[in-house]
Amino acid sequence: MVFGRTRKFWEYSFGILQGSKAKVVFHCMVYGATGAGIPLAVVYPHSFRHRFAKNFIEKYNDIALLADLMGHESIETTRIYLRMTASEQQKIVDKVVTW
């Protein structure tokens, strides 16, 4: 167990699953995204890792712990997950600059 969560959560979220189980998880993601109106172009299993990383950093701001949780040997690898999208960057610029 990690932080009181079952191992299965981490297996599904971080890509340890292979073969038919991974396909089931992907199909569940597609089904949920379709119901929520999320464009399927942005739905893929690895997006779980990106969302988890962004949420973790926003909430706990501990990149070293995040790197350990994600199984990265280098913090530089973890930093890749923390890049901001163009729309996220624009929101920050709009807060700073009065147009």
Protein backbone atom coordinates (compact mmCIF):
# COMPACT_ATOMS: atom_id res chain seq x y z
CA MET A 1 0.00 0.00 0.00
CA VAL A 2 1.09 3.54 -0.79
CA PHE A 3 -0.53 6.35 1.23
CA GLY A 4 -3.33 3.99 2.23
CA ARG A 5 -4.30 3.22 -1.36
CA THR A 6 -4.31 -0.22 -2.85
CA ARG A 7 -1.62 -1.30 -5.25
CA LYS A 8 -4.20 -1.70 -8.02
CA PHE A 9 -4.72 2.09 -8.12
CA TRP A 10 -1.02 2.61 -8.77
CA GLU A 11 -0.91 -0.21 -11.30
CA TYR A 12 -3.77 1.27 -13.31
CA SER A 13 -2.56 4.84 -12.98
CA PHE A 14 1.08 4.35 -13.74
CA GLY A 15 1.09 1.86 -16.57
CA ILE A 16 2.23 -1.30 -14.86
CA LEU A 17 -0.63 -3.19 -16.47
CA GLN A 18 -0.04 -4.86 -19.79
CA GLY A 19 -2.11 -6.62 -22.40
CA SER A 20 -5.84 -7.08 -21.96
CA LYS A 21 -6.04 -5.33 -18.56
CA ALA A 22 -4.47 -2.19 -20.00
CA LYS A 23 -6.99 -2.26 -22.84
CA VAL A 24 -9.86 -2.49 -20.35
CA VAL A 25 -8.55 0.56 -18.49
CA PHE A 26 -8.21 2.47 -21.76
CA HIS A 27 -11.76 1.60 -22.82
CA CYS A 28 -13.05 2.75 -19.42
CA MET A 29 -11.22 6.05 -19.89
CA VAL A 30 -12.76 6.51 -23.35
CA TYR A 31 -16.23 5.71 -22.01
CA GLY A 32 -15.85 8.17 -19.12
CA ALA A 33 -14.40 10.89 -21.32
CA THR A 34 -17.20 10.52 -23.85
CA GLY A 35 -19.78 10.87 -21.09
CA ALA A 36 -18.01 13.93 -19.70
CA GLY A 37 -17.64 15.59 -23.10
CA ILE A 38 -13.84 15.42 -23.07
CA PRO A 39 -12.31 15.31 -26.58
CA LEU A 40 -10.99 11.81 -27.27
CA ALA A 41 -7.87 13.30 -28.86
CA VAL A 42 -6.60 14.10 -25.36
CA VAL A 43 -7.62 10.80 -23.74
CA TYR A 44 -4.86 8.24 -23.42
CA PRO A 45 -3.58 6.18 -20.46
CA HIS A 46 -0.42 8.25 -20.06
CA SER A 47 -2.56 11.34 -19.47
CA PHE A 48 -3.23 9.90 -15.98
CA ARG A 49 0.44 10.38 -15.17
CA HIS A 50 0.44 13.95 -16.42
CA ARG A 51 -2.69 14.89 -14.48
CA PHE A 52 -1.45 13.15 -11.34
CA ALA A 53 1.91 14.95 -11.56
CA LYS A 54 0.31 18.37 -12.04
CA ASN A 55 -2.19 17.82 -9.22
CA PHE A 56 0.51 16.51 -6.90
CA ILE A 57 2.81 19.49 -7.49
CA GLU A 58 -0.02 22.01 -7.14
CA LYS A 59 -1.07 20.44 -3.84
CA TYR A 60 2.23 19.31 -2.24
CA ASN A 61 4.99 21.09 -4.22
CA ASP A 62 7.51 18.27 -3.62
CA ILE A 63 9.11 17.25 -6.91
CA ALA A 64 11.56 14.83 -5.24
CA LEU A 65 8.72 12.82 -3.70
CA LEU A 66 6.80 12.95 -6.96
CA ALA A 67 9.83 11.59 -8.83
CA ASP A 68 10.00 8.69 -6.36
CA LEU A 69 6.28 7.95 -6.68
CA MET A 70 6.49 7.94 -10.46
CA GLY A 71 9.58 5.73 -10.49
CA HIS A 72 11.90 8.27 -12.08
CA GLU A 73 15.62 8.11 -11.43
CA SER A 74 16.03 11.79 -12.24
CA ILE A 75 13.98 14.82 -11.24
CA GLU A 76 14.62 16.14 -14.75
CA THR A 77 12.46 13.32 -16.09
CA THR A 78 9.67 14.33 -13.70
CA ARG A 79 9.91 17.97 -14.81
CA ILE A 80 8.68 16.91 -18.27
CA TYR A 81 5.27 16.21 -16.74
CA LEU A 82 5.07 19.68 -15.28
CA ARG A 83 5.21 21.73 -18.47
CA MET A 84 2.34 24.13 -18.82
CA THR A 85 0.02 24.12 -21.77
CA ALA A 86 -0.28 27.25 -23.91
CA SER A 87 -3.64 28.07 -22.31
CA GLU A 88 -2.18 27.67 -18.79
CA GLN A 89 0.68 29.99 -19.74
CA GLN A 90 -1.75 32.51 -21.21
CA LYS A 91 -3.80 32.59 -17.99
CA ILE A 92 -0.67 33.44 -15.99
CA VAL A 93 0.39 36.14 -18.46
CA ASP A 94 -3.12 37.61 -18.35
CA LYS A 95 -2.87 37.87 -14.55
CA VAL A 96 0.46 39.70 -14.79
CA VAL A 97 -0.12 41.93 -17.80
CA THR A 98 -2.94 44.41 -18.10
CA TRP A 99 -3.91 44.35 -21.75
